[in-house]
Amino acid sequence: MSAKRHPGSDRRAELLAIAGRLFASRGFATTTVREIADAAGILSGSLYHHFDSKESMVDEILRGFLDRLRSAYRRVLAEQADPRAALTALVTVSFESMDTDGDAIAIFQNESQHLAQFERFGYLCSTAEELEGCWLDVLKRGQRAGVFRRDLRVPLVYRFIRDTVWVAVRWYDPRGSLSAEAIAEQYLTILCQGIVELGS
């Protein structure tokens, strides 16, 4: 029998979703507690029954997203010994995260440099480095195994893949005609096979 969810936890999640949309679209600094409360249809004072500040809200949003992504990446590294399969899985789970954490991804991209200045958000840099290490590990293993070209500069390849994948959050629509998996497959085809027909 599954555990019953507490009504308060559902409301908390709802408020975080509302705050996440506002932080992603308007920016963290310019979004006020009152605007979050207004969007939720409650008084500002009522919001403080759930969170003591908007910093606490964005902290919970980012921690949740990064914990889920880190777990997904670790699982890929544990399950996929073949470097190409691991690279495919990393790209795929990254796109899949846009279905559930699109706002958090946008917040991380737009706000992490600013937020990382504060001690409370020191984990942003260390977690980003850990996630980067997952990609670098796969790319280096691929080079050693002869799967990926040895003349490629791994840090540059990582940045290319990272920027190509994560910028998609700005246009990807979970309700659109293309699923995250379909987009990931197309990206991987371009990444691994290029766009020029053989013999052209």
N, C-alpha and C. Protein backbone atom coordinates (compact mmCIF):
# COMPACT_ATOMS: atom_id res chain seq x y z
N MET A 1 0.85 -1.20 0.00
CA MET A 1 0.00 0.00 0.00
C MET A 1 0.88 1.24 0.00
N SER A 2 0.60 2.17 -0.90
CA SER A 2 1.41 3.38 -1.00
C SER A 2 1.05 4.33 0.12
N ALA A 3 2.08 5.11 0.56
CA ALA A 3 1.86 6.07 1.63
C ALA A 3 1.03 7.24 1.12
N LYS A 4 0.15 7.73 1.98
CA LYS A 4 -0.69 8.86 1.61
C LYS A 4 0.14 10.15 1.66
N ARG A 5 -0.08 11.00 0.69
CA ARG A 5 0.60 12.29 0.68
C ARG A 5 -0.13 13.25 1.60
N HIS A 6 0.64 14.01 2.34
CA HIS A 6 0.07 15.02 3.22
C HIS A 6 -0.41 16.19 2.39
N PRO A 7 -1.62 16.71 2.63
CA PRO A 7 -2.13 17.84 1.84
C PRO A 7 -1.17 19.02 1.82
N GLY A 8 -0.46 19.23 2.94
CA GLY A 8 0.48 20.34 3.00
C GLY A 8 1.64 20.18 2.04
N SER A 9 2.05 18.92 1.82
CA SER A 9 3.15 18.68 0.89
C SER A 9 2.72 18.95 -0.54
N ASP A 10 1.46 18.64 -0.86
CA ASP A 10 0.93 18.94 -2.18
C ASP A 10 0.89 20.45 -2.42
N ARG A 11 0.45 21.19 -1.43
CA ARG A 11 0.38 22.64 -1.55
C ARG A 11 1.77 23.24 -1.67
N ARG A 12 2.69 22.68 -0.92
CA ARG A 12 4.08 23.16 -0.98
C ARG A 12 4.65 22.95 -2.39
N ALA A 13 4.40 21.78 -2.94
CA ALA A 13 4.88 21.49 -4.29
C ALA A 13 4.24 22.42 -5.31
N GLU A 14 2.96 22.71 -5.12
CA GLU A 14 2.25 23.62 -6.02
C GLU A 14 2.86 25.02 -5.96
N LEU A 15 3.16 25.48 -4.76
CA LEU A 15 3.77 26.81 -4.60
C LEU A 15 5.16 26.86 -5.22
N LEU A 16 5.91 25.78 -5.07
CA LEU A 16 7.24 25.73 -5.69
C LEU A 16 7.14 25.77 -7.21
N ALA A 17 6.13 25.09 -7.76
CA ALA A 17 5.95 25.09 -9.22
C ALA A 17 5.63 26.49 -9.71
N ILE A 18 4.77 27.20 -8.96
CA ILE A 18 4.41 28.57 -9.34
C ILE A 18 5.63 29.48 -9.25
N ALA A 19 6.37 29.36 -8.16
CA ALA A 19 7.58 30.18 -7.99
C ALA A 19 8.59 29.86 -9.08
N GLY A 20 8.73 28.58 -9.41
CA GLY A 20 9.69 28.19 -10.44
C GLY A 20 9.37 28.81 -11.78
N ARG A 21 8.09 28.83 -12.14
CA ARG A 21 7.70 29.44 -13.42
C ARG A 21 8.04 30.93 -13.43
N LEU A 22 7.78 31.60 -12.31
CA LEU A 22 8.07 33.04 -12.25
C LEU A 22 9.57 33.31 -12.25
N PHE A 23 10.32 32.55 -11.48
CA PHE A 23 11.77 32.73 -11.45
C PHE A 23 12.37 32.49 -12.83
N ALA A 24 11.87 31.49 -13.54
CA ALA A 24 12.40 31.15 -14.86
C ALA A 24 12.06 32.20 -15.90
N SER A 25 10.84 32.76 -15.83
CA SER A 25 10.39 33.69 -16.86
C SER A 25 10.74 35.15 -16.54
N ARG A 26 10.72 35.51 -15.26
CA ARG A 26 10.93 36.91 -14.88
C ARG A 26 12.30 37.18 -14.28
N GLY A 27 12.94 36.15 -13.79
CA GLY A 27 14.20 36.30 -13.09
C GLY A 27 14.00 36.25 -11.59
N PHE A 28 14.97 35.67 -10.90
CA PHE A 28 14.84 35.51 -9.45
C PHE A 28 14.83 36.85 -8.73
N ALA A 29 15.74 37.73 -9.10
CA ALA A 29 15.89 39.00 -8.39
C ALA A 29 14.66 39.88 -8.52
N THR A 30 14.01 39.86 -9.68
CA THR A 30 12.89 40.76 -9.91
C THR A 30 11.55 40.18 -9.48
N THR A 31 11.50 38.91 -9.19
CA THR A 31 10.25 38.29 -8.73
C THR A 31 10.10 38.49 -7.23
N THR A 32 8.97 39.00 -6.82
CA THR A 32 8.74 39.26 -5.40
C THR A 32 7.88 38.16 -4.77
N VAL A 33 7.96 38.10 -3.45
CA VAL A 33 7.12 37.15 -2.71
C VAL A 33 5.65 37.45 -2.97
N ARG A 34 5.32 38.72 -3.05
CA ARG A 34 3.93 39.10 -3.28
C ARG A 34 3.45 38.59 -4.64
N GLU A 35 4.29 38.67 -5.66
CA GLU A 35 3.90 38.18 -6.97
C GLU A 35 3.68 36.67 -6.96
N ILE A 36 4.51 35.96 -6.22
CA ILE A 36 4.32 34.51 -6.11
C ILE A 36 3.00 34.21 -5.41
N ALA A 37 2.73 34.95 -4.32
CA ALA A 37 1.49 34.75 -3.57
C ALA A 37 0.27 35.09 -4.44
N ASP A 38 0.37 36.19 -5.18
CA ASP A 38 -0.74 36.58 -6.06
C ASP A 38 -1.02 35.50 -7.10
N ALA A 39 0.04 34.96 -7.68
CA ALA A 39 -0.13 33.91 -8.69
C ALA A 39 -0.74 32.65 -8.09
N ALA A 40 -0.48 32.44 -6.80
CA ALA A 40 -1.02 31.27 -6.11
C ALA A 40 -2.41 31.53 -5.54
N GLY A 41 -2.85 32.79 -5.60
CA GLY A 41 -4.17 33.14 -5.08
C GLY A 41 -4.23 33.18 -3.56
N ILE A 42 -3.10 33.53 -2.93
CA ILE A 42 -3.07 33.62 -1.47
C ILE A 42 -2.43 34.94 -1.06
N LEU A 43 -2.52 35.27 0.21
CA LEU A 43 -1.86 36.45 0.75
C LEU A 43 -0.39 36.15 0.97
N SER A 44 0.44 37.19 0.91
CA SER A 44 1.87 37.00 1.11
C SER A 44 2.16 36.33 2.44
N GLY A 45 1.42 36.72 3.47
CA GLY A 45 1.63 36.14 4.79
C GLY A 45 1.39 34.64 4.81
N SER A 46 0.45 34.19 4.00
CA SER A 46 0.15 32.76 3.94
C SER A 46 1.31 31.98 3.31
N LEU A 47 2.01 32.63 2.39
CA LEU A 47 3.15 31.98 1.75
C LEU A 47 4.24 31.68 2.78
N TYR A 48 4.37 32.57 3.76
CA TYR A 48 5.40 32.39 4.78
C TYR A 48 5.09 31.24 5.74
N HIS A 49 3.90 30.69 5.67
CA HIS A 49 3.59 29.49 6.45
C HIS A 49 4.33 28.28 5.87
N HIS A 50 4.70 28.38 4.59
CA HIS A 50 5.35 27.27 3.90
C HIS A 50 6.85 27.52 3.70
N PHE A 51 7.23 28.75 3.43
CA PHE A 51 8.63 29.10 3.15
C PHE A 51 8.97 30.39 3.86
N ASP A 52 10.19 30.48 4.39
CA ASP A 52 10.56 31.70 5.10
C ASP A 52 11.08 32.80 4.19
N SER A 53 11.34 32.46 2.92
CA SER A 53 11.85 33.46 1.98
C SER A 53 11.82 32.89 0.57
N LYS A 54 11.97 33.77 -0.41
CA LYS A 54 12.03 33.27 -1.78
C LYS A 54 13.37 32.56 -2.03
N GLU A 55 14.40 32.90 -1.22
CA GLU A 55 15.67 32.19 -1.32
C GLU A 55 15.49 30.71 -0.96
N SER A 56 14.66 30.46 0.05
CA SER A 56 14.39 29.08 0.43
C SER A 56 13.66 28.34 -0.70
N MET A 57 12.81 29.06 -1.40
CA MET A 57 12.07 28.44 -2.49
C MET A 57 13.00 28.06 -3.64
N VAL A 58 13.83 28.98 -4.06
CA VAL A 58 14.71 28.68 -5.19
C VAL A 58 15.74 27.64 -4.78
N ASP A 59 16.14 27.65 -3.52
CA ASP A 59 17.07 26.64 -3.01
C ASP A 59 16.46 25.25 -3.14
N GLU A 60 15.23 25.11 -2.72
CA GLU A 60 14.57 23.80 -2.79
C GLU A 60 14.35 23.36 -4.24
N ILE A 61 14.01 24.30 -5.10
CA ILE A 61 13.82 23.98 -6.52
C ILE A 61 15.12 23.46 -7.13
N LEU A 62 16.21 24.18 -6.89
CA LEU A 62 17.49 23.81 -7.50
C LEU A 62 18.06 22.53 -6.89
N ARG A 63 17.96 22.39 -5.58
CA ARG A 63 18.47 21.16 -4.94
C ARG A 63 17.73 19.93 -5.46
N GLY A 64 16.41 20.03 -5.57
CA GLY A 64 15.64 18.90 -6.06
C GLY A 64 16.04 18.51 -7.46
N PHE A 65 16.16 19.50 -8.34
CA PHE A 65 16.55 19.24 -9.73
C PHE A 65 17.94 18.62 -9.81
N LEU A 66 18.91 19.23 -9.13
CA LEU A 66 20.28 18.75 -9.22
C LEU A 66 20.45 17.37 -8.59
N ASP A 67 19.73 17.10 -7.52
CA ASP A 67 19.78 15.76 -6.92
C ASP A 67 19.26 14.71 -7.89
N ARG A 68 18.15 15.03 -8.56
CA ARG A 68 17.59 14.08 -9.52
C ARG A 68 18.52 13.87 -10.70
N LEU A 69 19.10 14.95 -11.20
CA LEU A 69 19.99 14.82 -12.36
C LEU A 69 21.26 14.07 -11.98
N ARG A 70 21.80 14.38 -10.82
CA ARG A 70 23.01 13.69 -10.36
C ARG A 70 22.75 12.19 -10.20
N SER A 71 21.61 11.83 -9.65
CA SER A 71 21.27 10.41 -9.50
C SER A 71 21.15 9.74 -10.85
N ALA A 72 20.54 10.44 -11.82
CA ALA A 72 20.38 9.88 -13.17
C ALA A 72 21.74 9.68 -13.83
N TYR A 73 22.63 10.64 -13.69
CA TYR A 73 23.96 10.53 -14.29
C TYR A 73 24.75 9.39 -13.64
N ARG A 74 24.68 9.29 -12.32
CA ARG A 74 25.40 8.21 -11.63
C ARG A 74 24.89 6.85 -12.07
N ARG A 75 23.58 6.76 -12.26
CA ARG A 75 23.00 5.50 -12.71
C ARG A 75 23.50 5.14 -14.10
N VAL A 76 23.62 6.14 -14.98
CA VAL A 76 24.14 5.89 -16.32
C VAL A 76 25.56 5.34 -16.24
N LEU A 77 26.41 5.97 -15.45
CA LEU A 77 27.80 5.54 -15.36
C LEU A 77 27.90 4.13 -14.77
N ALA A 78 26.99 3.80 -13.86
CA ALA A 78 27.03 2.48 -13.23
C ALA A 78 26.52 1.38 -14.17
N GLU A 79 25.58 1.73 -15.04
CA GLU A 79 24.92 0.72 -15.86
C GLU A 79 25.49 0.59 -17.27
N GLN A 80 26.14 1.65 -17.77
CA GLN A 80 26.60 1.65 -19.17
C GLN A 80 28.12 1.62 -19.24
N ALA A 81 28.66 0.45 -19.49
CA ALA A 81 30.12 0.31 -19.60
C ALA A 81 30.63 0.81 -20.95
N ASP A 82 29.81 0.66 -21.98
CA ASP A 82 30.21 1.10 -23.33
C ASP A 82 30.12 2.62 -23.41
N PRO A 83 31.19 3.30 -23.79
CA PRO A 83 31.20 4.77 -23.81
C PRO A 83 30.13 5.39 -24.71
N ARG A 84 29.90 4.80 -25.88
CA ARG A 84 28.88 5.37 -26.76
C ARG A 84 27.49 5.21 -26.16
N ALA A 85 27.22 4.06 -25.56
CA ALA A 85 25.93 3.84 -24.91
C ALA A 85 25.77 4.81 -23.73
N ALA A 86 26.85 5.04 -23.02
CA ALA A 86 26.81 5.97 -21.88
C ALA A 86 26.55 7.39 -22.36
N LEU A 87 27.21 7.79 -23.45
CA LEU A 87 27.00 9.13 -23.99
C LEU A 87 25.55 9.29 -24.45
N THR A 88 25.03 8.28 -25.12
CA THR A 88 23.63 8.29 -25.55
C THR A 88 22.70 8.45 -24.36
N ALA A 89 22.97 7.71 -23.30
CA ALA A 89 22.12 7.76 -22.12
C ALA A 89 22.21 9.12 -21.42
N LEU A 90 23.39 9.71 -21.35
CA LEU A 90 23.54 11.02 -20.72
C LEU A 90 22.74 12.08 -21.48
N VAL A 91 22.84 12.06 -22.80
CA VAL A 91 22.08 13.01 -23.60
C VAL A 91 20.58 12.79 -23.40
N THR A 92 20.17 11.53 -23.40
CA THR A 92 18.74 11.22 -23.29
C THR A 92 18.17 11.64 -21.94
N VAL A 93 18.85 11.30 -20.85
CA VAL A 93 18.31 11.67 -19.53
C VAL A 93 18.33 13.18 -19.32
N SER A 94 19.28 13.86 -19.97
CA SER A 94 19.31 15.32 -19.88
C SER A 94 18.07 15.91 -20.54
N PHE A 95 17.73 15.41 -21.73
CA PHE A 95 16.52 15.90 -22.39
C PHE A 95 15.27 15.50 -21.62
N GLU A 96 15.25 14.30 -21.07
CA GLU A 96 14.08 13.86 -20.31
C GLU A 96 13.85 14.74 -19.10
N SER A 97 14.91 15.28 -18.51
CA SER A 97 14.76 16.13 -17.34
C SER A 97 14.01 17.42 -17.67
N MET A 98 14.00 17.80 -18.95
CA MET A 98 13.29 19.01 -19.34
C MET A 98 11.78 18.83 -19.23
N ASP A 99 11.32 17.58 -19.26
CA ASP A 99 9.89 17.33 -19.10
C ASP A 99 9.42 17.67 -17.69
N THR A 100 10.26 17.40 -16.71
CA THR A 100 9.86 17.58 -15.31
C THR A 100 10.51 18.78 -14.64
N ASP A 101 11.66 19.21 -15.14
CA ASP A 101 12.43 20.25 -14.46
C ASP A 101 12.82 21.41 -15.37
N GLY A 102 11.98 21.69 -16.37
CA GLY A 102 12.32 22.75 -17.31
C GLY A 102 12.56 24.09 -16.65
N ASP A 103 11.70 24.47 -15.71
CA ASP A 103 11.88 25.76 -15.04
C ASP A 103 13.15 25.77 -14.20
N ALA A 104 13.42 24.67 -13.52
CA ALA A 104 14.62 24.59 -12.70
C ALA A 104 15.88 24.69 -13.56
N ILE A 105 15.86 24.07 -14.73
CA ILE A 105 17.00 24.15 -15.64
C ILE A 105 17.23 25.59 -16.08
N ALA A 106 16.15 26.29 -16.43
CA ALA A 106 16.27 27.69 -16.83
C ALA A 106 16.80 28.54 -15.69
N ILE A 107 16.31 28.29 -14.48
CA ILE A 107 16.79 29.03 -13.32
C ILE A 107 18.27 28.76 -13.10
N PHE A 108 18.66 27.51 -13.20
CA PHE A 108 20.07 27.16 -13.00
C PHE A 108 20.95 27.87 -14.03
N GLN A 109 20.51 27.88 -15.27
CA GLN A 109 21.29 28.53 -16.32
C GLN A 109 21.40 30.04 -16.09
N ASN A 110 20.28 30.64 -15.71
CA ASN A 110 20.22 32.10 -15.62
C ASN A 110 20.75 32.66 -14.30
N GLU A 111 20.60 31.90 -13.23
CA GLU A 111 20.83 32.46 -11.90
C GLU A 111 21.98 31.86 -11.12
N SER A 112 22.53 30.73 -11.56
CA SER A 112 23.51 30.03 -10.73
C SER A 112 24.76 30.86 -10.46
N GLN A 113 25.21 31.62 -11.45
CA GLN A 113 26.41 32.43 -11.25
C GLN A 113 26.18 33.49 -10.17
N HIS A 114 24.99 34.08 -10.18
CA HIS A 114 24.66 35.07 -9.16
C HIS A 114 24.47 34.42 -7.79
N LEU A 115 23.70 33.35 -7.74
CA LEU A 115 23.38 32.71 -6.47
C LEU A 115 24.61 32.09 -5.82
N ALA A 116 25.55 31.60 -6.64
CA ALA A 116 26.74 30.92 -6.10
C ALA A 116 27.63 31.86 -5.29
N GLN A 117 27.38 33.16 -5.36
CA GLN A 117 28.14 34.11 -4.55
C GLN A 117 27.81 33.97 -3.07
N PHE A 118 26.64 33.39 -2.78
CA PHE A 118 26.18 33.29 -1.40
C PHE A 118 26.45 31.90 -0.85
N GLU A 119 26.87 31.87 0.42
CA GLU A 119 27.29 30.61 1.05
C GLU A 119 26.23 29.53 0.95
N ARG A 120 24.98 29.92 1.07
CA ARG A 120 23.88 28.97 1.03
C ARG A 120 23.85 28.17 -0.26
N PHE A 121 24.31 28.79 -1.34
CA PHE A 121 24.25 28.16 -2.65
C PHE A 121 25.62 27.68 -3.13
N GLY A 122 26.52 27.46 -2.20
CA GLY A 122 27.85 27.00 -2.57
C GLY A 122 27.84 25.66 -3.28
N TYR A 123 26.81 24.87 -3.05
CA TYR A 123 26.72 23.55 -3.67
C TYR A 123 26.53 23.62 -5.19
N LEU A 124 26.10 24.78 -5.70
CA LEU A 124 25.86 24.89 -7.14
C LEU A 124 27.13 24.63 -7.94
N CYS A 125 28.23 25.20 -7.49
CA CYS A 125 29.49 25.02 -8.22
C CYS A 125 30.01 23.60 -8.10
N SER A 126 29.97 23.05 -6.89
CA SER A 126 30.49 21.70 -6.69
C SER A 126 29.65 20.66 -7.43
N THR A 127 28.34 20.86 -7.45
CA THR A 127 27.48 19.92 -8.18
C THR A 127 27.69 20.04 -9.68
N ALA A 128 27.84 21.27 -10.18
CA ALA A 128 28.10 21.46 -11.60
C ALA A 128 29.41 20.77 -12.00
N GLU A 129 30.41 20.86 -11.14
CA GLU A 129 31.69 20.20 -11.43
C GLU A 129 31.53 18.68 -11.44
N GLU A 130 30.72 18.16 -10.53
CA GLU A 130 30.49 16.72 -10.49
C GLU A 130 29.77 16.24 -11.75
N LEU A 131 28.78 17.00 -12.19
CA LEU A 131 28.06 16.63 -13.41
C LEU A 131 28.97 16.71 -14.62
N GLU A 132 29.79 17.74 -14.68
CA GLU A 132 30.76 17.86 -15.77
C GLU A 132 31.70 16.66 -15.78
N GLY A 133 32.09 16.23 -14.59
CA GLY A 133 33.00 15.09 -14.49
C GLY A 133 32.41 13.83 -15.08
N CYS A 134 31.09 13.66 -14.99
CA CYS A 134 30.44 12.49 -15.59
C CYS A 134 30.64 12.48 -17.10
N TRP A 135 30.41 13.64 -17.72
CA TRP A 135 30.58 13.74 -19.18
C TRP A 135 32.05 13.52 -19.57
N LEU A 136 32.96 14.16 -18.85
CA LEU A 136 34.38 14.04 -19.18
C LEU A 136 34.85 12.60 -19.04
N ASP A 137 34.36 11.91 -18.02
CA ASP A 137 34.74 10.52 -17.81
C ASP A 137 34.33 9.65 -19.01
N VAL A 138 33.10 9.84 -19.47
CA VAL A 138 32.61 9.06 -20.61
C VAL A 138 33.40 9.37 -21.88
N LEU A 139 33.65 10.65 -22.11
CA LEU A 139 34.38 11.04 -23.33
C LEU A 139 35.82 10.52 -23.30
N LYS A 140 36.47 10.58 -22.16
CA LYS A 140 37.85 10.09 -22.05
C LYS A 140 37.90 8.58 -22.20
N ARG A 141 36.94 7.87 -21.61
CA ARG A 141 36.88 6.42 -21.75
C ARG A 141 36.68 6.06 -23.22
N GLY A 142 35.85 6.85 -23.90
CA GLY A 142 35.60 6.59 -25.31
C GLY A 142 36.84 6.77 -26.16
N GLN A 143 37.63 7.78 -25.83
CA GLN A 143 38.88 7.98 -26.56
C GLN A 143 39.86 6.83 -26.32
N ARG A 144 39.98 6.42 -25.05
CA ARG A 144 40.90 5.33 -24.73
C ARG A 144 40.48 4.03 -25.41
N ALA A 145 39.17 3.84 -25.55
CA ALA A 145 38.67 2.62 -26.18
C ALA A 145 38.67 2.69 -27.70
N GLY A 146 38.98 3.85 -28.26
CA GLY A 146 38.97 4.01 -29.70
C GLY A 146 37.58 4.23 -30.28
N VAL A 147 36.61 4.50 -29.41
CA VAL A 147 35.24 4.75 -29.85
C VAL A 147 35.09 6.18 -30.34
N PHE A 148 35.72 7.12 -29.65
CA PHE A 148 35.68 8.53 -30.03
C PHE A 148 37.05 8.94 -30.56
N ARG A 149 37.06 9.89 -31.46
CA ARG A 149 38.30 10.33 -32.09
C ARG A 149 39.30 10.84 -31.05
N ARG A 150 40.55 10.42 -31.24
CA ARG A 150 41.59 10.78 -30.28
C ARG A 150 42.08 12.22 -30.46
N ASP A 151 41.81 12.82 -31.62
CA ASP A 151 42.30 14.18 -31.85
C ASP A 151 41.38 15.24 -31.27
N LEU A 152 40.23 14.84 -30.73
CA LEU A 152 39.28 15.80 -30.16
C LEU A 152 39.74 16.26 -28.78
N ARG A 153 39.52 17.52 -28.51
CA ARG A 153 39.82 18.06 -27.18
C ARG A 153 38.60 17.84 -26.30
N VAL A 154 38.74 16.97 -25.33
CA VAL A 154 37.61 16.53 -24.53
C VAL A 154 36.87 17.69 -23.85
N PRO A 155 37.56 18.64 -23.20
CA PRO A 155 36.82 19.74 -22.57
C PRO A 155 35.99 20.55 -23.56
N LEU A 156 36.52 20.73 -24.77
CA LEU A 156 35.79 21.47 -25.80
C LEU A 156 34.58 20.67 -26.29
N VAL A 157 34.76 19.38 -26.45
CA VAL A 157 33.64 18.53 -26.86
C VAL A 157 32.54 18.57 -25.81
N TYR A 158 32.94 18.50 -24.54
CA TYR A 158 31.96 18.58 -23.45
C TYR A 158 31.18 19.88 -23.52
N ARG A 159 31.87 21.00 -23.68
CA ARG A 159 31.17 22.29 -23.72
C ARG A 159 30.22 22.37 -24.91
N PHE A 160 30.63 21.81 -26.03
CA PHE A 160 29.77 21.80 -27.21
C PHE A 160 28.49 21.02 -26.93
N ILE A 161 28.65 19.82 -26.37
CA ILE A 161 27.48 19.00 -26.07
C ILE A 161 26.61 19.67 -25.02
N ARG A 162 27.23 20.16 -23.96
CA ARG A 162 26.48 20.81 -22.87
C ARG A 162 25.65 21.96 -23.40
N ASP A 163 26.28 22.85 -24.15
CA ASP A 163 25.55 24.02 -24.63
C ASP A 163 24.49 23.64 -25.65
N THR A 164 24.78 22.66 -26.49
CA THR A 164 23.81 22.22 -27.49
C THR A 164 22.58 21.61 -26.84
N VAL A 165 22.80 20.79 -25.82
CA VAL A 165 21.69 20.12 -25.15
C VAL A 165 20.89 21.09 -24.30
N TRP A 166 21.54 21.79 -23.39
CA TRP A 166 20.79 22.55 -22.38
C TRP A 166 20.12 23.81 -22.92
N VAL A 167 20.63 24.36 -24.02
CA VAL A 167 19.98 25.55 -24.57
C VAL A 167 18.60 25.20 -25.11
N ALA A 168 18.35 23.91 -25.36
CA ALA A 168 17.05 23.49 -25.88
C ALA A 168 15.91 23.78 -24.91
N VAL A 169 16.24 23.96 -23.63
CA VAL A 169 15.18 24.24 -22.66
C VAL A 169 14.46 25.55 -22.99
N ARG A 170 15.11 26.42 -23.76
CA ARG A 170 14.51 27.71 -24.09
C ARG A 170 13.40 27.58 -25.13
N TRP A 171 13.40 26.47 -25.86
CA TRP A 171 12.34 26.32 -26.87
C TRP A 171 11.57 25.00 -26.74
N TYR A 172 12.10 24.07 -25.99
CA TYR A 172 11.43 22.77 -25.89
C TYR A 172 10.09 22.89 -25.17
N ASP A 173 9.07 22.28 -25.75
CA ASP A 173 7.73 22.28 -25.18
C ASP A 173 7.32 20.85 -24.88
N PRO A 174 7.19 20.48 -23.59
CA PRO A 174 6.80 19.11 -23.25
C PRO A 174 5.48 18.69 -23.87
N ARG A 175 4.65 19.66 -24.24
CA ARG A 175 3.36 19.34 -24.86
C ARG A 175 3.43 19.35 -26.38
N GLY A 176 4.62 19.58 -26.93
CA GLY A 176 4.78 19.67 -28.37
C GLY A 176 4.75 18.32 -29.06
N SER A 177 4.93 18.35 -30.38
CA SER A 177 4.82 17.12 -31.17
C SER A 177 6.04 16.22 -31.03
N LEU A 178 7.17 16.79 -30.62
CA LEU A 178 8.39 16.00 -30.47
C LEU A 178 8.64 15.71 -28.99
N SER A 179 8.84 14.44 -28.66
CA SER A 179 9.15 14.07 -27.29
C SER A 179 10.61 14.35 -26.99
N ALA A 180 10.95 14.35 -25.73
CA ALA A 180 12.34 14.55 -25.33
C ALA A 180 13.22 13.44 -25.91
N GLU A 181 12.70 12.22 -25.95
CA GLU A 181 13.46 11.10 -26.48
C GLU A 181 13.71 11.26 -27.98
N ALA A 182 12.71 11.77 -28.71
CA ALA A 182 12.87 11.96 -30.15
C ALA A 182 13.90 13.04 -30.44
N ILE A 183 13.88 14.11 -29.66
CA ILE A 183 14.86 15.19 -29.85
C ILE A 183 16.25 14.69 -29.51
N ALA A 184 16.37 13.93 -28.42
CA ALA A 184 17.66 13.39 -28.03
C ALA A 184 18.23 12.50 -29.14
N GLU A 185 17.38 11.68 -29.74
CA GLU A 185 17.81 10.79 -30.82
C GLU A 185 18.33 11.58 -32.02
N GLN A 186 17.63 12.68 -32.36
CA GLN A 186 18.07 13.50 -33.49
C GLN A 186 19.40 14.19 -33.18
N TYR A 187 19.52 14.70 -31.96
CA TYR A 187 20.77 15.35 -31.55
C TYR A 187 21.93 14.36 -31.61
N LEU A 188 21.68 13.14 -31.16
CA LEU A 188 22.74 12.13 -31.16
C LEU A 188 23.14 11.74 -32.58
N THR A 189 22.17 11.70 -33.48
CA THR A 189 22.48 11.41 -34.88
C THR A 189 23.39 12.49 -35.45
N ILE A 190 23.05 13.74 -35.18
CA ILE A 190 23.88 14.85 -35.66
C ILE A 190 25.25 14.81 -35.02
N LEU A 191 25.28 14.56 -33.70
CA LEU A 191 26.54 14.55 -32.97
C LEU A 191 27.47 13.45 -33.45
N CYS A 192 26.93 12.27 -33.66
CA CYS A 192 27.77 11.12 -33.98
C CYS A 192 27.97 10.89 -35.48
N GLN A 193 27.03 11.36 -36.31
CA GLN A 193 27.11 11.10 -37.75
C GLN A 193 27.23 12.35 -38.59
N GLY A 194 27.01 13.53 -38.01
CA GLY A 194 27.10 14.77 -38.76
C GLY A 194 25.84 15.02 -39.58
N ILE A 195 25.90 16.06 -40.42
CA ILE A 195 24.74 16.42 -41.23
C ILE A 195 25.01 16.30 -42.73
N VAL A 196 26.24 15.90 -43.09
CA VAL A 196 26.58 15.79 -44.51
C VAL A 196 26.42 14.34 -44.97
N GLU A 197 25.72 14.15 -46.09
CA GLU A 197 25.56 12.82 -46.66
C GLU A 197 26.91 12.25 -47.07
N LEU A 198 27.13 10.98 -46.78
CA LEU A 198 28.38 10.34 -47.20
C LEU A 198 28.48 10.36 -48.73
N GLY A 199 29.65 10.73 -49.24
CA GLY A 199 29.85 10.80 -50.67
C GLY A 199 29.58 12.18 -51.25
N SER A 200 29.04 13.11 -50.41
CA SER A 200 28.76 14.46 -50.91
C SER A 200 30.04 15.28 -50.99
